Protein backbone atom coordinates (compact mmCIF):
# COMPACT_ATOMS: atom_id res chain seq x y z
CA MET A 1 -52.77 85.69 20.35
CA PHE A 2 -51.81 82.33 19.03
CA LYS A 3 -48.41 80.85 19.72
CA LEU A 4 -46.75 78.36 17.34
CA THR A 5 -45.43 75.29 19.09
CA ARG A 6 -43.21 72.56 17.59
CA LYS A 7 -43.78 68.93 18.48
CA LYS A 8 -40.75 67.05 19.67
CA ASN A 9 -39.46 64.40 17.16
CA SER A 10 -40.39 60.99 18.52
CA TRP A 11 -38.73 58.97 15.70
CA GLY A 12 -35.30 58.48 17.30
CA PHE A 13 -34.02 55.53 19.39
CA THR A 14 -33.48 55.73 23.05
CA ILE A 15 -30.12 54.76 24.51
CA LEU A 16 -31.70 51.60 25.92
CA GLU A 17 -33.08 50.59 22.52
CA MET A 18 -29.69 51.15 20.87
CA ALA A 19 -28.00 49.08 23.55
CA ILE A 20 -30.41 46.21 22.92
CA VAL A 21 -29.79 46.38 19.14
CA MET A 22 -26.03 46.40 19.64
CA ALA A 23 -26.27 43.40 21.97
CA ILE A 24 -28.33 41.44 19.41
CA MET A 25 -25.84 42.30 16.64
CA GLY A 26 -23.01 41.14 18.87
CA LEU A 27 -24.72 37.81 19.50
CA LEU A 28 -25.34 37.32 15.77
CA ALA A 29 -21.72 38.15 14.91
CA GLY A 30 -20.51 35.76 17.60
CA ALA A 31 -22.59 32.97 16.07
CA LEU A 32 -21.62 33.72 12.46
CA ILE A 33 -17.83 33.92 12.95
CA PRO A 34 -17.41 30.23 13.89
CA LEU A 35 -19.76 29.26 11.05
CA ALA A 36 -17.79 31.32 8.54
CA LYS A 37 -14.55 29.77 9.81
CA SER A 38 -16.02 26.27 9.48
CA VAL A 39 -17.17 26.94 5.90
CA TYR A 40 -13.74 28.35 5.01
CA GLU A 41 -11.90 25.36 6.48
CA SER A 42 -14.25 22.89 4.73
CA ARG A 43 -13.67 24.62 1.40
CA LYS A 44 -9.90 24.64 1.97
CA ALA A 45 -9.92 20.93 2.88
CA ALA A 46 -11.94 20.13 -0.27
CA ASP A 47 -9.41 22.04 -2.41
CA ILE A 48 -6.52 20.12 -0.84
CA ASP A 49 -8.31 16.80 -1.34
CA ASP A 50 -8.93 17.61 -5.02
CA ARG A 51 -5.22 18.32 -5.54
CA LEU A 52 -4.27 15.05 -3.82
CA LYS A 53 -6.71 13.06 -5.98
CA GLN A 54 -5.15 14.63 -9.08
CA ALA A 55 -1.67 13.66 -7.82
CA LYS A 56 -2.85 10.09 -7.26
CA GLU A 57 -4.17 9.85 -10.83
CA VAL A 58 -0.90 11.26 -12.22
CA LEU A 59 1.09 8.63 -10.30
CA ILE A 60 -1.09 5.82 -11.65
CA ALA A 61 -0.69 7.23 -15.17
CA TRP A 62 3.10 7.31 -14.63
CA TYR A 63 3.03 3.63 -13.65
CA ARG A 64 0.93 2.75 -16.68
CA ALA A 65 3.41 4.53 -18.98
CA ASN A 66 6.65 3.36 -17.33
CA GLY A 67 5.87 0.13 -15.47
CA TYR A 68 6.97 1.48 -12.07
CA LEU A 69 6.23 4.30 -9.62
CA PRO A 70 8.71 7.17 -9.07
CA CYS A 71 10.70 7.43 -5.86
CA PRO A 72 9.91 10.26 -3.41
CA ASP A 73 11.81 13.54 -3.38
CA MET A 74 13.83 13.45 -0.15
CA THR A 75 15.75 16.73 -0.44
CA GLY A 76 15.55 19.27 2.39
CA ALA A 77 13.13 19.39 5.29
CA VAL A 78 9.94 17.40 4.90
CA ASP A 79 7.72 20.50 5.28
CA THR A 80 9.52 22.50 2.57
CA ILE A 81 9.45 22.14 -1.22
CA GLY A 82 12.41 20.08 -2.52
CA ASP A 83 14.04 19.90 -5.95
CA GLY A 84 11.21 17.77 -7.37
CA THR A 85 13.26 14.74 -8.45
CA GLY A 86 12.98 11.21 -7.11
CA ASP A 87 15.75 9.96 -4.81
CA CYS A 88 15.77 6.19 -5.36
CA SER A 89 19.15 5.67 -3.70
CA ALA A 90 18.27 7.52 -0.51
CA GLY A 91 17.90 5.28 2.57
CA GLY A 92 14.69 3.70 3.71
CA GLY A 93 13.60 0.09 3.94
CA MET A 94 10.57 -1.45 2.24
CA ILE A 95 8.66 1.86 2.56
CA LEU A 96 10.02 5.08 1.00
CA SER A 97 8.66 8.35 2.35
CA GLY A 98 9.29 11.92 1.22
CA LYS A 99 7.71 14.57 -0.98
CA LEU A 100 6.04 14.35 -4.36
CA PRO A 101 8.67 14.35 -7.18
CA TYR A 102 6.84 17.17 -8.91
CA ALA A 103 9.53 17.90 -11.53
CA ASP A 104 9.55 14.27 -12.67
CA LEU A 105 5.75 14.22 -12.82
CA SER A 106 5.27 17.77 -14.23
CA PHE A 107 2.78 18.41 -11.42
CA PRO A 108 2.45 21.26 -8.89
CA PRO A 109 4.64 20.58 -5.82
CA ASN A 110 2.22 21.79 -3.19
CA ASP A 111 -1.35 21.60 -2.01
CA SER A 112 -3.73 24.56 -2.28
CA THR A 113 -2.33 26.11 0.92
CA GLY A 114 1.27 26.08 -0.35
CA ARG A 115 2.35 23.10 1.77
CA PRO A 116 4.40 20.34 0.06
CA ILE A 117 2.53 17.19 -0.92
CA ARG A 118 3.92 14.17 0.91
CA TYR A 119 4.38 10.88 -0.98
CA VAL A 120 4.87 7.36 0.41
CA VAL A 121 5.46 4.26 -1.75
CA MET A 122 6.47 0.60 -1.45
CA ARG A 123 10.04 0.19 -2.67
CA GLN A 124 9.03 -2.91 -4.68
CA PHE A 125 6.91 -0.70 -6.95
CA THR A 126 9.76 1.73 -7.69
CA GLU A 127 12.61 -0.63 -8.64
CA HIS A 128 13.13 -0.65 -12.39
CA SER A 129 16.86 -0.67 -13.09
CA SER A 130 16.93 -4.09 -14.76
CA VAL A 131 14.56 -5.77 -17.18
CA THR A 132 15.37 -9.07 -15.49
CA ASN A 133 14.13 -7.80 -12.11
CA ASN A 134 11.77 -10.61 -11.11
CA SER A 135 9.84 -8.43 -8.66
CA ARG A 136 8.88 -6.14 -11.54
CA ARG A 137 7.42 -9.02 -13.50
CA MET A 138 5.45 -10.12 -10.47
CA ARG A 139 3.99 -6.72 -9.58
CA CYS A 140 0.64 -7.28 -11.27
CA GLU A 141 0.24 -10.53 -9.36
CA MET A 142 1.35 -8.74 -6.17
CA MET A 143 -1.42 -6.16 -6.62
CA LYS A 144 -4.00 -8.92 -6.12
CA ASN A 145 -2.61 -9.72 -2.68
CA LEU A 146 -0.22 -7.13 -1.25
CA PRO A 147 2.38 -8.52 1.18
CA SER A 148 2.45 -7.80 4.89
CA SER A 149 5.28 -5.32 4.20
CA ALA A 150 2.83 -3.05 2.34
CA ILE A 151 1.79 0.41 3.50
CA VAL A 152 -1.23 0.21 5.84
CA VAL A 153 -3.85 2.97 5.98
CA ASN A 154 -6.22 3.19 8.92
CA ASP A 155 -9.16 4.58 6.95
CA SER A 156 -11.59 5.61 9.69
CA GLY A 157 -11.03 2.32 11.51
CA LYS A 158 -10.62 0.04 8.48
CA MET A 159 -7.07 -1.26 7.89
CA ILE A 160 -6.23 -1.23 4.16
CA ARG A 161 -2.97 -2.30 2.50
CA VAL A 162 -1.92 0.03 -0.32
CA PRO A 163 1.07 0.36 -2.71
CA PHE A 164 1.31 4.17 -2.37
CA LEU A 165 -0.35 7.24 -0.92
CA VAL A 166 -0.15 11.04 -0.97
CA PHE A 167 -1.11 13.37 1.85
CA SER A 168 -1.05 16.92 3.12
CA GLY A 169 -0.10 17.74 6.70
CA GLY A 170 -2.74 20.47 6.64
CA PRO A 171 -2.19 24.07 7.73
CA GLU A 172 -1.57 23.33 11.42
CA ASP A 173 0.35 21.10 13.79
CA ARG A 174 -2.86 19.97 15.46
CA ASP A 175 -1.35 17.29 17.69
CA GLY A 176 1.28 19.74 18.99
CA ILE A 177 4.18 17.30 18.63
CA GLY A 178 6.03 19.15 15.87
CA GLY A 179 5.83 19.17 12.10
CA LEU A 180 2.62 19.48 10.15
CA ALA A 181 1.74 15.77 10.00
CA ASP A 182 -0.40 14.47 12.86
CA GLY A 183 -0.75 11.08 14.56
CA ASP A 184 0.39 8.01 12.63
CA ASN A 185 1.35 10.16 9.64
CA ARG A 186 4.34 11.79 11.30
CA ASP A 187 6.43 8.87 12.60
CA GLY A 188 7.66 7.45 9.27
CA ASP A 189 6.63 3.80 9.81
CA SER A 190 4.34 1.81 7.49
CA MET A 191 1.11 2.84 9.26
CA PHE A 192 -0.81 5.93 8.12
CA GLU A 193 -4.15 7.44 9.03
CA LYS A 194 -7.08 8.90 7.12
CA LYS A 195 -10.03 10.32 9.05
CA PRO A 196 -12.13 13.50 9.49
CA SER A 197 -10.30 16.40 11.12
CA ASP A 198 -10.65 17.07 14.83
CA ASP A 199 -8.86 19.07 17.53
CA ASN A 200 -5.75 16.85 17.22
CA PHE A 201 -5.77 15.97 13.52
CA ASP A 202 -6.10 17.90 10.25
CA ASP A 203 -4.17 15.75 7.76
CA ILE A 204 -5.80 14.97 4.41
CA LEU A 205 -4.80 11.72 2.72
CA GLU A 206 -5.53 9.88 -0.53
CA TYR A 207 -4.21 6.44 -1.43
CA GLY A 208 -3.91 4.46 -4.64
CA SER A 209 -5.55 1.12 -4.03
CA ALA A 210 -4.03 -2.07 -5.44
CA TYR A 211 -7.33 -2.74 -7.21
CA GLU A 212 -7.23 0.65 -8.95
CA MET A 213 -3.68 0.02 -10.10
CA TYR A 214 -4.38 -3.50 -11.35
CA ARG A 215 -7.47 -2.40 -13.27
CA SER A 216 -5.59 0.47 -14.90
CA CYS A 217 -2.12 -1.00 -15.41
CA CYS A 218 -2.47 -4.79 -15.70
CA GLY A 219 -4.38 -7.59 -17.33
CA SER A 220 -4.00 -11.31 -17.94
CA ILE A 221 -3.40 -13.80 -20.73
CA VAL A 222 -3.98 -17.53 -21.08
CA VAL A 223 -2.04 -19.47 -23.72
CA VAL A 224 -3.63 -22.77 -24.77
CA ASN A 225 -1.85 -25.39 -26.89
CA VAL A 226 -4.63 -27.66 -28.16
CA ASN A 227 -3.90 -31.35 -28.71
CA SER A 228 -5.97 -32.27 -31.75
CA GLY A 229 -4.67 -35.85 -31.90
CA LEU A 230 -3.80 -35.46 -35.58
CA VAL A 231 -0.48 -36.39 -37.14
CA THR A 232 -0.50 -33.04 -38.89
CA GLU A 233 -0.87 -31.08 -35.66
CA LYS A 234 1.28 -27.98 -36.04
CA TYR A 235 2.33 -27.31 -32.43
CA ASN A 236 2.87 -30.58 -30.57
CA GLN A 237 5.55 -29.44 -28.12
CA THR A 238 5.45 -27.14 -25.13
CA LEU A 239 5.16 -23.47 -26.13
CA ARG A 240 7.23 -20.94 -24.18
CA VAL A 241 5.97 -17.48 -23.13
CA ASP A 242 8.51 -14.62 -22.81
CA GLN A 243 8.13 -11.01 -21.64
CA SER A 244 10.04 -7.79 -22.33
CA PHE A 245 9.76 -4.42 -20.60
CA ASP A 246 11.98 -2.46 -22.99
CA GLY A 247 10.24 -2.97 -26.31
CA GLY A 248 12.02 -6.23 -27.11
CA SER A 249 15.65 -5.19 -26.55
CA SER A 250 15.94 -7.79 -23.78
CA TRP A 251 13.65 -10.56 -22.58
CA ILE A 252 12.68 -12.61 -19.55
CA ASN A 253 12.37 -16.09 -21.03
CA GLY A 254 9.86 -18.59 -19.73
CA ILE A 255 7.43 -16.55 -17.64
CA GLY A 256 4.95 -19.30 -18.57
CA SER A 257 4.55 -22.33 -20.80
CA ALA A 258 1.76 -24.14 -22.61
CA PRO A 259 2.28 -27.91 -22.94
CA ASP A 260 0.62 -29.72 -25.80
CA GLY A 261 -2.92 -30.33 -24.70
CA GLY A 262 -2.63 -27.82 -21.81
CA SER A 263 -2.26 -24.13 -20.99
CA THR A 264 -0.25 -21.70 -18.86
CA GLY A 265 -3.18 -20.92 -16.67
CA GLU A 266 -3.62 -17.19 -16.14
CA LEU A 267 -0.53 -14.97 -16.37
CA ASP A 268 -0.74 -11.45 -14.93
CA ILE A 269 0.81 -9.01 -17.43
CA GLU A 270 1.68 -5.30 -17.29
CA VAL A 271 0.01 -3.11 -19.89
CA GLY A 272 2.63 -1.96 -22.41
CA SER A 273 5.00 -4.90 -21.96
CA ARG A 274 5.84 -7.03 -25.00
CA ILE A 275 4.95 -10.73 -25.12
CA ARG A 276 6.26 -13.41 -27.47
CA ILE A 277 5.42 -17.09 -27.75
CA TYR A 278 8.12 -19.52 -28.89
CA ASP A 279 7.63 -22.90 -30.56
CA PRO A 280 10.71 -25.12 -29.99
CA GLN A 281 9.61 -27.60 -32.67
CA SER A 282 9.94 -25.06 -35.48
CA GLY A 283 12.47 -22.87 -33.66
CA GLN A 284 10.28 -19.85 -34.42
CA PHE A 285 8.33 -17.24 -32.50
CA ILE A 286 4.68 -17.75 -33.42
CA ALA A 287 3.42 -14.57 -31.74
CA ASN A 288 5.01 -11.24 -30.79
CA PHE A 289 2.84 -8.36 -29.58
CA VAL A 290 2.50 -5.45 -27.15
CA PHE A 291 -0.02 -6.26 -24.42
CA GLY A 292 -2.79 -3.68 -24.32
CA GLY A 293 -4.68 -4.86 -21.24
CA GLY A 294 -7.82 -6.82 -20.50
CA ASN A 295 -8.17 -10.61 -20.28
CA LYS A 296 -7.08 -12.44 -23.44
CA THR A 297 -6.83 -16.10 -24.46
CA PHE A 298 -4.53 -17.30 -27.26
CA VAL A 299 -5.18 -20.73 -28.75
CA PHE A 300 -2.69 -22.71 -30.89
CA ASP A 301 -3.12 -26.17 -32.42
């Protein structure tokens, strides 16, 4: 008599094999979690940096349209969103520090993590109450050689003078001193820091360089009064160059002059300002135009 026997199933895992698999999976998970966190933080930092670069471009566009930079928003705590308007009368010395005046700029108030964008600017680039303000007329020249009172950015070891900057304090207080800003970015003086994040620093900063601003917002003119030596020479007295920042309602007279047989040399001029050239011999203005930028030479005889 034959007896049916059933073979035991040998396809299953032993407890030891399952333990080994679980241990391997645990090691892989342990390795992947820090990597995933690093990728997430890099992506978040890139998003913040993109927003700051956009804010920088909007500020330069504001200067190009208005001839000055807005003041910071100084309402409320520095790590909370304010009312979005510039506070030009609020304290501070040569450097004004606060939050981005988002309502004035029609720009989002925060970075991609919801933190307010910080904004720091030289006071000389915000003053605009009077057309006769000499510092305003000289700003384009100032951009070529910023004074020692300018904002200084330590950009990974390189000290750079700048007219303004924007930055995010990042999601953490990495240096543990209080507030989101770390290192030189938290003490409110004229020195700021831009560098890769580390255990004690996660701020992200973008600055508007003086060169960027000059290239976008300024240009130069040279006025030449040629001495032809002829009796019939039309302009044989010194020509006067005037400038207006309000479309010609009021003027700064004599920003330059062109003597007969000479020139003003190069005058740095804001884009959008109005220029006129006066001939005292005829008592007439022989040129009146809105400056559109670039380097231009005007010759009269």
